[in-house]
Amino acid sequence: MKIAIAADGKFVSGHFGHCEGFRLYDVENNKVVGSQMVPNPGHKPGFLPVFLKEQNADVIIAGGMGATAQELFTQNGIKVVVGASGETDKVIEGYLEGTVKSTGSVCSEHAHEGHCEE
């Protein structure tokens, strides 16, 4: 399994589309066996769900994400987890332990992070 976390540095990004990049974690037997940072190729409507599918992502974790993006990820067979915050390494551990779950929040402001509805 491959899990992508929208990241700004070593922290979960507040909005996946405006993140610096995606920390891709390779997971086997519920343990992280490797990771790499892939730069965000740019925020273009409908592009990132396809991009992460091409990276073989099974799950995307982010702080916030718009409704259309969430739908596109689902259509591409990628599970969406929103409402996450903190260091990406701790978030992936929590996700694998079952303590990090999606809040289902939808980001309604596209201008920048920090303006997402709960």
N, C-alpha and C. Protein backbone atom coordinates (compact mmCIF):
# COMPACT_ATOMS: atom_id res chain seq x y z
N MET A 1 0.85 -1.18 0.00
CA MET A 1 0.00 0.00 0.00
C MET A 1 0.89 1.23 0.00
N LYS A 2 0.42 2.28 -0.65
CA LYS A 2 1.15 3.55 -0.67
C LYS A 2 0.21 4.64 -0.17
N ILE A 3 0.69 5.39 0.82
CA ILE A 3 -0.10 6.47 1.42
C ILE A 3 0.60 7.79 1.17
N ALA A 4 -0.14 8.74 0.61
CA ALA A 4 0.39 10.08 0.33
C ALA A 4 -0.11 11.04 1.39
N ILE A 5 0.79 11.87 1.89
CA ILE A 5 0.40 12.94 2.82
C ILE A 5 0.82 14.26 2.20
N ALA A 6 -0.15 15.18 2.04
CA ALA A 6 0.15 16.52 1.56
C ALA A 6 1.00 17.20 2.62
N ALA A 7 2.19 17.66 2.24
CA ALA A 7 3.14 18.15 3.23
C ALA A 7 3.72 19.52 2.90
N ASP A 8 3.93 20.28 3.96
CA ASP A 8 4.71 21.51 3.92
C ASP A 8 5.87 21.25 4.88
N GLY A 9 7.05 21.03 4.32
CA GLY A 9 8.16 20.61 5.16
C GLY A 9 7.85 19.25 5.74
N LYS A 10 7.98 19.12 7.06
CA LYS A 10 7.69 17.82 7.69
C LYS A 10 6.30 17.79 8.34
N PHE A 11 5.46 18.78 8.00
CA PHE A 11 4.12 18.87 8.58
C PHE A 11 3.03 18.68 7.53
N VAL A 12 1.88 18.19 7.97
CA VAL A 12 0.73 18.04 7.09
C VAL A 12 0.29 19.42 6.63
N SER A 13 0.05 19.58 5.35
CA SER A 13 -0.39 20.85 4.79
C SER A 13 -1.85 21.10 5.12
N GLY A 14 -2.19 22.36 5.33
CA GLY A 14 -3.57 22.74 5.60
C GLY A 14 -4.48 22.54 4.42
N HIS A 15 -3.95 22.59 3.20
CA HIS A 15 -4.75 22.35 2.00
C HIS A 15 -3.89 21.60 1.00
N PHE A 16 -4.35 20.43 0.61
CA PHE A 16 -3.52 19.55 -0.21
C PHE A 16 -3.05 20.20 -1.51
N GLY A 17 -3.89 20.99 -2.17
CA GLY A 17 -3.54 21.54 -3.47
C GLY A 17 -2.43 22.58 -3.44
N HIS A 18 -2.22 23.18 -2.28
CA HIS A 18 -1.21 24.23 -2.16
C HIS A 18 0.01 23.77 -1.37
N CYS A 19 0.14 22.47 -1.17
CA CYS A 19 1.27 21.95 -0.39
C CYS A 19 2.57 22.04 -1.19
N GLU A 20 3.70 21.96 -0.45
CA GLU A 20 5.01 21.93 -1.12
C GLU A 20 5.18 20.65 -1.91
N GLY A 21 4.67 19.56 -1.35
CA GLY A 21 4.83 18.27 -2.00
C GLY A 21 4.06 17.20 -1.27
N PHE A 22 4.28 15.96 -1.69
CA PHE A 22 3.59 14.83 -1.11
C PHE A 22 4.61 13.84 -0.55
N ARG A 23 4.48 13.54 0.74
CA ARG A 23 5.33 12.51 1.35
C ARG A 23 4.62 11.19 1.05
N LEU A 24 5.27 10.34 0.26
CA LEU A 24 4.72 9.05 -0.11
C LEU A 24 5.33 7.97 0.77
N TYR A 25 4.48 7.28 1.51
CA TYR A 25 4.93 6.22 2.41
C TYR A 25 4.58 4.86 1.81
N ASP A 26 5.57 3.99 1.73
CA ASP A 26 5.35 2.61 1.33
C ASP A 26 5.06 1.82 2.59
N VAL A 27 3.94 1.09 2.59
CA VAL A 27 3.50 0.36 3.77
C VAL A 27 3.33 -1.11 3.43
N GLU A 28 3.94 -1.96 4.24
CA GLU A 28 3.77 -3.40 4.12
C GLU A 28 3.48 -3.96 5.51
N ASN A 29 2.48 -4.83 5.60
CA ASN A 29 2.10 -5.43 6.88
C ASN A 29 1.89 -4.37 7.96
N ASN A 30 1.24 -3.27 7.57
CA ASN A 30 0.90 -2.17 8.47
C ASN A 30 2.12 -1.47 9.08
N LYS A 31 3.26 -1.54 8.40
CA LYS A 31 4.49 -0.88 8.84
C LYS A 31 5.06 -0.08 7.67
N VAL A 32 5.60 1.10 7.98
CA VAL A 32 6.26 1.92 6.96
C VAL A 32 7.60 1.27 6.62
N VAL A 33 7.81 1.00 5.33
CA VAL A 33 9.06 0.38 4.88
C VAL A 33 9.90 1.33 4.03
N GLY A 34 9.36 2.53 3.78
CA GLY A 34 10.11 3.52 3.01
C GLY A 34 9.25 4.74 2.76
N SER A 35 9.91 5.84 2.43
CA SER A 35 9.17 7.06 2.09
C SER A 35 10.01 7.93 1.19
N GLN A 36 9.33 8.78 0.45
CA GLN A 36 10.01 9.75 -0.39
C GLN A 36 9.14 10.99 -0.52
N MET A 37 9.76 12.11 -0.76
CA MET A 37 9.04 13.36 -0.97
C MET A 37 8.98 13.63 -2.46
N VAL A 38 7.77 13.89 -2.96
CA VAL A 38 7.57 14.21 -4.38
C VAL A 38 7.04 15.64 -4.44
N PRO A 39 7.71 16.54 -5.15
CA PRO A 39 7.25 17.93 -5.22
C PRO A 39 5.86 18.03 -5.84
N ASN A 40 5.10 18.99 -5.37
CA ASN A 40 3.78 19.27 -5.93
C ASN A 40 3.99 19.81 -7.35
N PRO A 41 3.45 19.13 -8.36
CA PRO A 41 3.66 19.58 -9.74
C PRO A 41 2.82 20.79 -10.13
N GLY A 42 1.97 21.24 -9.22
CA GLY A 42 1.16 22.42 -9.50
C GLY A 42 -0.32 22.15 -9.25
N HIS A 43 -1.01 23.18 -8.80
CA HIS A 43 -2.42 23.06 -8.47
C HIS A 43 -3.26 23.44 -9.68
N LYS A 44 -3.67 22.41 -10.42
CA LYS A 44 -4.55 22.61 -11.57
C LYS A 44 -5.79 21.76 -11.32
N PRO A 45 -6.98 22.29 -11.53
CA PRO A 45 -8.20 21.53 -11.26
C PRO A 45 -8.20 20.14 -11.90
N GLY A 46 -8.44 19.14 -11.08
CA GLY A 46 -8.54 17.76 -11.55
C GLY A 46 -7.23 17.04 -11.79
N PHE A 47 -6.10 17.73 -11.66
CA PHE A 47 -4.81 17.13 -12.00
C PHE A 47 -4.22 16.28 -10.89
N LEU A 48 -4.25 16.75 -9.65
CA LEU A 48 -3.55 16.06 -8.57
C LEU A 48 -4.11 14.67 -8.26
N PRO A 49 -5.42 14.44 -8.32
CA PRO A 49 -5.90 13.06 -8.10
C PRO A 49 -5.31 12.08 -9.13
N VAL A 50 -5.21 12.49 -10.39
CA VAL A 50 -4.63 11.64 -11.42
C VAL A 50 -3.13 11.48 -11.18
N PHE A 51 -2.45 12.57 -10.84
CA PHE A 51 -1.01 12.53 -10.54
C PHE A 51 -0.71 11.54 -9.43
N LEU A 52 -1.48 11.59 -8.34
CA LEU A 52 -1.22 10.68 -7.21
C LEU A 52 -1.62 9.25 -7.54
N LYS A 53 -2.60 9.07 -8.39
CA LYS A 53 -2.94 7.71 -8.87
C LYS A 53 -1.75 7.16 -9.65
N GLU A 54 -1.11 8.00 -10.47
CA GLU A 54 0.07 7.57 -11.23
C GLU A 54 1.24 7.24 -10.31
N GLN A 55 1.25 7.82 -9.10
CA GLN A 55 2.28 7.51 -8.11
C GLN A 55 1.90 6.26 -7.30
N ASN A 56 0.78 5.63 -7.68
CA ASN A 56 0.27 4.42 -7.04
C ASN A 56 -0.25 4.64 -5.62
N ALA A 57 -0.71 5.86 -5.33
CA ALA A 57 -1.25 6.14 -4.01
C ALA A 57 -2.60 5.44 -3.81
N ASP A 58 -2.78 4.87 -2.63
CA ASP A 58 -4.04 4.23 -2.25
C ASP A 58 -4.84 5.13 -1.32
N VAL A 59 -4.14 6.02 -0.62
CA VAL A 59 -4.75 6.91 0.37
C VAL A 59 -4.10 8.28 0.24
N ILE A 60 -4.88 9.36 0.40
CA ILE A 60 -4.35 10.72 0.50
C ILE A 60 -4.78 11.27 1.85
N ILE A 61 -3.83 11.82 2.60
CA ILE A 61 -4.11 12.44 3.88
C ILE A 61 -3.74 13.91 3.77
N ALA A 62 -4.65 14.79 4.20
CA ALA A 62 -4.40 16.23 4.13
C ALA A 62 -5.13 16.93 5.28
N GLY A 63 -4.77 18.19 5.47
CA GLY A 63 -5.49 18.99 6.46
C GLY A 63 -6.86 19.37 5.93
N GLY A 64 -6.91 19.89 4.71
CA GLY A 64 -8.17 20.30 4.11
C GLY A 64 -8.16 20.02 2.62
N MET A 65 -9.37 19.89 2.06
CA MET A 65 -9.50 19.59 0.65
C MET A 65 -10.92 19.94 0.21
N GLY A 66 -11.04 20.48 -0.98
CA GLY A 66 -12.35 20.83 -1.52
C GLY A 66 -13.17 19.60 -1.88
N ALA A 67 -14.47 19.80 -1.99
CA ALA A 67 -15.39 18.70 -2.28
C ALA A 67 -15.12 18.05 -3.63
N THR A 68 -14.84 18.86 -4.65
CA THR A 68 -14.58 18.30 -5.98
C THR A 68 -13.34 17.42 -5.97
N ALA A 69 -12.29 17.88 -5.32
CA ALA A 69 -11.06 17.08 -5.24
C ALA A 69 -11.34 15.77 -4.51
N GLN A 70 -12.11 15.83 -3.42
CA GLN A 70 -12.42 14.60 -2.69
C GLN A 70 -13.16 13.62 -3.59
N GLU A 71 -14.10 14.12 -4.38
CA GLU A 71 -14.85 13.26 -5.31
C GLU A 71 -13.93 12.66 -6.37
N LEU A 72 -13.00 13.47 -6.90
CA LEU A 72 -12.08 12.98 -7.93
C LEU A 72 -11.15 11.90 -7.38
N PHE A 73 -10.69 12.08 -6.14
CA PHE A 73 -9.85 11.04 -5.53
C PHE A 73 -10.64 9.74 -5.39
N THR A 74 -11.87 9.84 -4.92
CA THR A 74 -12.72 8.66 -4.77
C THR A 74 -12.93 7.98 -6.12
N GLN A 75 -13.17 8.77 -7.16
CA GLN A 75 -13.35 8.20 -8.50
C GLN A 75 -12.10 7.50 -9.00
N ASN A 76 -10.93 7.94 -8.52
CA ASN A 76 -9.66 7.32 -8.90
C ASN A 76 -9.26 6.18 -7.96
N GLY A 77 -10.18 5.80 -7.06
CA GLY A 77 -9.92 4.68 -6.17
C GLY A 77 -8.97 4.99 -5.03
N ILE A 78 -8.86 6.29 -4.69
CA ILE A 78 -7.97 6.71 -3.60
C ILE A 78 -8.81 7.16 -2.42
N LYS A 79 -8.56 6.56 -1.26
CA LYS A 79 -9.28 6.91 -0.04
C LYS A 79 -8.82 8.29 0.44
N VAL A 80 -9.76 9.13 0.86
CA VAL A 80 -9.46 10.49 1.31
C VAL A 80 -9.58 10.58 2.83
N VAL A 81 -8.54 11.13 3.46
CA VAL A 81 -8.55 11.39 4.90
C VAL A 81 -8.22 12.87 5.07
N VAL A 82 -9.18 13.65 5.57
CA VAL A 82 -8.96 15.08 5.79
C VAL A 82 -9.11 15.41 7.27
N GLY A 83 -8.57 16.57 7.63
CA GLY A 83 -8.63 17.01 9.02
C GLY A 83 -7.39 16.65 9.81
N ALA A 84 -6.37 16.11 9.14
CA ALA A 84 -5.13 15.72 9.81
C ALA A 84 -4.25 16.94 10.05
N SER A 85 -3.44 16.86 11.10
CA SER A 85 -2.47 17.93 11.38
C SER A 85 -1.30 17.34 12.16
N GLY A 86 -0.18 18.07 12.13
CA GLY A 86 1.00 17.63 12.85
C GLY A 86 2.09 17.15 11.91
N GLU A 87 3.09 16.49 12.48
CA GLU A 87 4.21 15.98 11.69
C GLU A 87 3.77 14.77 10.89
N THR A 88 4.19 14.72 9.64
CA THR A 88 3.75 13.63 8.75
C THR A 88 4.12 12.25 9.30
N ASP A 89 5.32 12.11 9.87
CA ASP A 89 5.73 10.80 10.40
C ASP A 89 4.83 10.35 11.55
N LYS A 90 4.38 11.29 12.37
CA LYS A 90 3.48 10.93 13.47
C LYS A 90 2.07 10.65 12.94
N VAL A 91 1.65 11.40 11.92
CA VAL A 91 0.32 11.19 11.35
C VAL A 91 0.24 9.82 10.68
N ILE A 92 1.28 9.40 9.96
CA ILE A 92 1.24 8.09 9.32
C ILE A 92 1.18 6.99 10.37
N GLU A 93 1.93 7.15 11.46
CA GLU A 93 1.87 6.17 12.54
C GLU A 93 0.46 6.09 13.11
N GLY A 94 -0.15 7.25 13.34
CA GLY A 94 -1.51 7.28 13.87
C GLY A 94 -2.51 6.67 12.91
N TYR A 95 -2.34 6.92 11.63
CA TYR A 95 -3.24 6.34 10.64
C TYR A 95 -3.14 4.81 10.66
N LEU A 96 -1.92 4.30 10.70
CA LEU A 96 -1.73 2.86 10.70
C LEU A 96 -2.24 2.22 12.00
N GLU A 97 -2.20 2.97 13.10
CA GLU A 97 -2.73 2.48 14.38
C GLU A 97 -4.24 2.62 14.48
N GLY A 98 -4.83 3.39 13.54
CA GLY A 98 -6.27 3.58 13.55
C GLY A 98 -6.74 4.77 14.37
N THR A 99 -5.81 5.62 14.82
CA THR A 99 -6.20 6.78 15.63
C THR A 99 -6.40 8.04 14.79
N VAL A 100 -5.88 8.06 13.57
CA VAL A 100 -6.10 9.19 12.67
C VAL A 100 -7.20 8.79 11.70
N LYS A 101 -8.33 9.50 11.78
CA LYS A 101 -9.48 9.22 10.93
C LYS A 101 -9.92 10.52 10.26
N SER A 102 -10.61 10.40 9.16
CA SER A 102 -11.07 11.57 8.44
C SER A 102 -12.18 12.28 9.20
N THR A 103 -12.09 13.61 9.24
CA THR A 103 -13.16 14.41 9.86
C THR A 103 -14.27 14.68 8.86
N GLY A 104 -13.98 14.46 7.57
CA GLY A 104 -14.96 14.70 6.53
C GLY A 104 -15.13 16.17 6.19
N SER A 105 -14.29 17.04 6.76
CA SER A 105 -14.43 18.48 6.51
C SER A 105 -14.13 18.80 5.05
N VAL A 106 -14.80 19.83 4.56
CA VAL A 106 -14.63 20.27 3.18
C VAL A 106 -14.11 21.69 3.19
N CYS A 107 -13.02 21.92 2.48
CA CYS A 107 -12.44 23.25 2.38
C CYS A 107 -13.24 24.04 1.34
N SER A 108 -13.77 25.19 1.76
CA SER A 108 -14.59 25.97 0.84
C SER A 108 -13.85 27.17 0.27
N GLU A 109 -12.74 27.55 0.84
CA GLU A 109 -11.94 28.68 0.35
C GLU A 109 -10.76 28.14 -0.42
N HIS A 110 -10.62 28.53 -1.68
CA HIS A 110 -9.52 28.04 -2.48
C HIS A 110 -8.31 28.97 -2.47
N ALA A 111 -8.46 30.17 -1.94
CA ALA A 111 -7.38 31.14 -2.00
C ALA A 111 -6.14 30.67 -1.23
N HIS A 112 -6.32 30.17 -0.04
CA HIS A 112 -5.19 29.69 0.76
C HIS A 112 -5.70 28.89 1.93
N GLU A 113 -4.78 28.16 2.55
CA GLU A 113 -5.16 27.32 3.67
C GLU A 113 -5.54 28.17 4.88
N GLY A 114 -6.13 27.53 5.87
CA GLY A 114 -6.49 28.23 7.08
C GLY A 114 -7.91 28.78 7.05
N HIS A 115 -8.65 28.56 5.98
CA HIS A 115 -10.01 29.04 5.87
C HIS A 115 -10.95 27.89 5.52
N CYS A 116 -10.76 26.77 6.17
CA CYS A 116 -11.57 25.60 5.87
C CYS A 116 -12.65 25.42 6.91
N GLU A 117 -13.83 25.05 6.45
CA GLU A 117 -14.94 24.80 7.35
C GLU A 117 -14.78 23.44 7.98
N GLU A 118 -15.27 23.30 9.18
CA GLU A 118 -15.28 21.98 9.85
C GLU A 118 -16.63 21.37 9.67
